[in-house]
Amino acid sequence: LAIGNAARDLGAGRYVKTDTLDLHAGIVLAKKVGEKVEEGECLATIYAADIVRATEVGTRLLQAIEIGDHAVGVPPLIYGIVDKDGLQPYMP
């Protein structure tokens, strides 16, 4: 959620439907949850209209990303499906 909010604040998303998108803004993550990370590796690339926003979002990303000594489980990508009958659990 924190990374999505940071991307939105760069202009890559909207608060309300009428907000304008910045098609040049965004965050590209270089690693997925559970992937091994080596010291010095790039974790993300930030695209922003100005250095102030990029720096602010970089700080927020560093706070949102946790690196540990042990592998973690990968959370499910899909939790449920919404259809005409409401929310249905996803069973792969």
Protein backbone atom coordinates (compact mmCIF):
# COMPACT_ATOMS: atom_id res chain seq x y z
CA LEU A 1 0.00 0.00 0.00
CA ALA A 2 2.80 2.43 0.87
CA ILE A 3 4.46 1.96 -2.52
CA GLY A 4 1.16 2.44 -4.36
CA ASN A 5 0.47 5.61 -2.38
CA ALA A 6 3.97 6.90 -3.16
CA ALA A 7 3.44 6.28 -6.89
CA ARG A 8 0.11 8.10 -6.72
CA ASP A 9 1.76 11.06 -5.04
CA LEU A 10 4.29 11.23 -7.88
CA GLY A 11 1.35 11.69 -10.26
CA ALA A 12 1.13 8.07 -11.45
CA GLY A 13 -2.30 7.68 -9.85
CA ARG A 14 -5.32 9.70 -8.81
CA TYR A 15 -6.94 10.77 -5.56
CA VAL A 16 -10.17 11.51 -7.44
CA LYS A 17 -11.40 10.70 -10.94
CA THR A 18 -10.78 14.23 -12.21
CA ASP A 19 -7.07 14.31 -11.23
CA THR A 20 -4.65 14.42 -14.14
CA LEU A 21 -2.12 11.60 -14.50
CA ASP A 22 1.56 12.30 -15.13
CA LEU A 23 2.34 9.64 -17.72
CA HIS A 24 6.07 10.07 -17.07
CA ALA A 25 5.83 9.43 -13.32
CA GLY A 26 6.02 6.12 -11.54
CA ILE A 27 8.04 3.52 -9.68
CA VAL A 28 9.59 0.42 -11.24
CA LEU A 29 10.42 -2.23 -8.66
CA ALA A 30 13.52 -4.29 -9.46
CA LYS A 31 12.76 -7.04 -6.94
CA LYS A 32 9.72 -9.05 -5.93
CA VAL A 33 8.72 -10.06 -2.41
CA GLY A 34 10.88 -12.97 -1.32
CA GLU A 35 13.68 -12.43 -3.88
CA LYS A 36 17.26 -12.41 -2.64
CA VAL A 37 18.86 -8.96 -2.51
CA GLU A 38 22.59 -8.34 -2.64
CA GLU A 39 24.19 -5.33 -0.97
CA GLY A 40 24.30 -2.36 -3.34
CA GLU A 41 21.62 -3.69 -5.68
CA CYS A 42 19.00 -1.31 -7.06
CA LEU A 43 15.60 -2.04 -5.51
CA ALA A 44 13.53 0.52 -7.42
CA THR A 45 13.70 3.28 -10.01
CA ILE A 46 11.66 6.42 -9.38
CA TYR A 47 10.38 8.54 -12.25
CA ALA A 48 9.27 12.01 -11.15
CA ALA A 49 8.69 15.51 -12.53
CA ASP A 50 11.18 17.01 -10.06
CA ILE A 51 13.94 16.05 -7.65
CA VAL A 52 11.98 17.15 -4.58
CA ARG A 53 9.18 14.64 -5.23
CA ALA A 54 11.67 11.94 -6.18
CA THR A 55 13.63 12.45 -2.95
CA GLU A 56 10.50 12.44 -0.80
CA VAL A 57 9.22 9.25 -2.42
CA GLY A 58 12.68 7.64 -2.13
CA THR A 59 12.61 8.22 1.61
CA ARG A 60 9.12 6.73 1.85
CA LEU A 61 10.16 3.67 -0.18
CA LEU A 62 13.12 3.03 2.10
CA GLN A 63 10.74 3.11 5.09
CA ALA A 64 8.30 0.73 3.36
CA ILE A 65 10.85 -1.89 2.27
CA GLU A 66 12.09 -4.39 4.82
CA ILE A 67 15.15 -6.54 4.16
CA GLY A 68 15.90 -9.44 6.46
CA ASP A 69 18.26 -12.37 6.82
CA HIS A 70 15.62 -15.01 6.13
CA ALA A 71 13.41 -15.76 3.15
CA VAL A 72 9.78 -14.75 3.48
CA GLY A 73 6.66 -16.32 2.06
CA VAL A 74 5.20 -14.72 -1.02
CA PRO A 75 1.68 -13.39 -0.36
CA PRO A 76 -1.10 -14.40 -2.75
CA LEU A 77 -1.64 -12.14 -5.74
CA ILE A 78 -5.40 -12.74 -5.85
CA TYR A 79 -7.51 -13.04 -2.70
CA GLY A 80 -10.99 -13.09 -4.19
CA ILE A 81 -13.15 -12.46 -7.22
CA VAL A 82 -16.08 -10.05 -7.32
CA ASP A 83 -18.99 -11.16 -9.51
CA LYS A 84 -22.76 -10.62 -9.67
CA ASP A 85 -23.13 -12.60 -6.43
CA GLY A 86 -20.55 -10.56 -4.50
CA LEU A 87 -17.09 -11.47 -3.26
CA GLN A 88 -16.06 -15.07 -3.89
CA PRO A 89 -12.90 -16.64 -2.43
CA TYR A 90 -10.25 -17.34 -5.05
CA MET A 91 -9.33 -21.01 -5.30
CA PRO A 92 -6.49 -21.60 -7.80
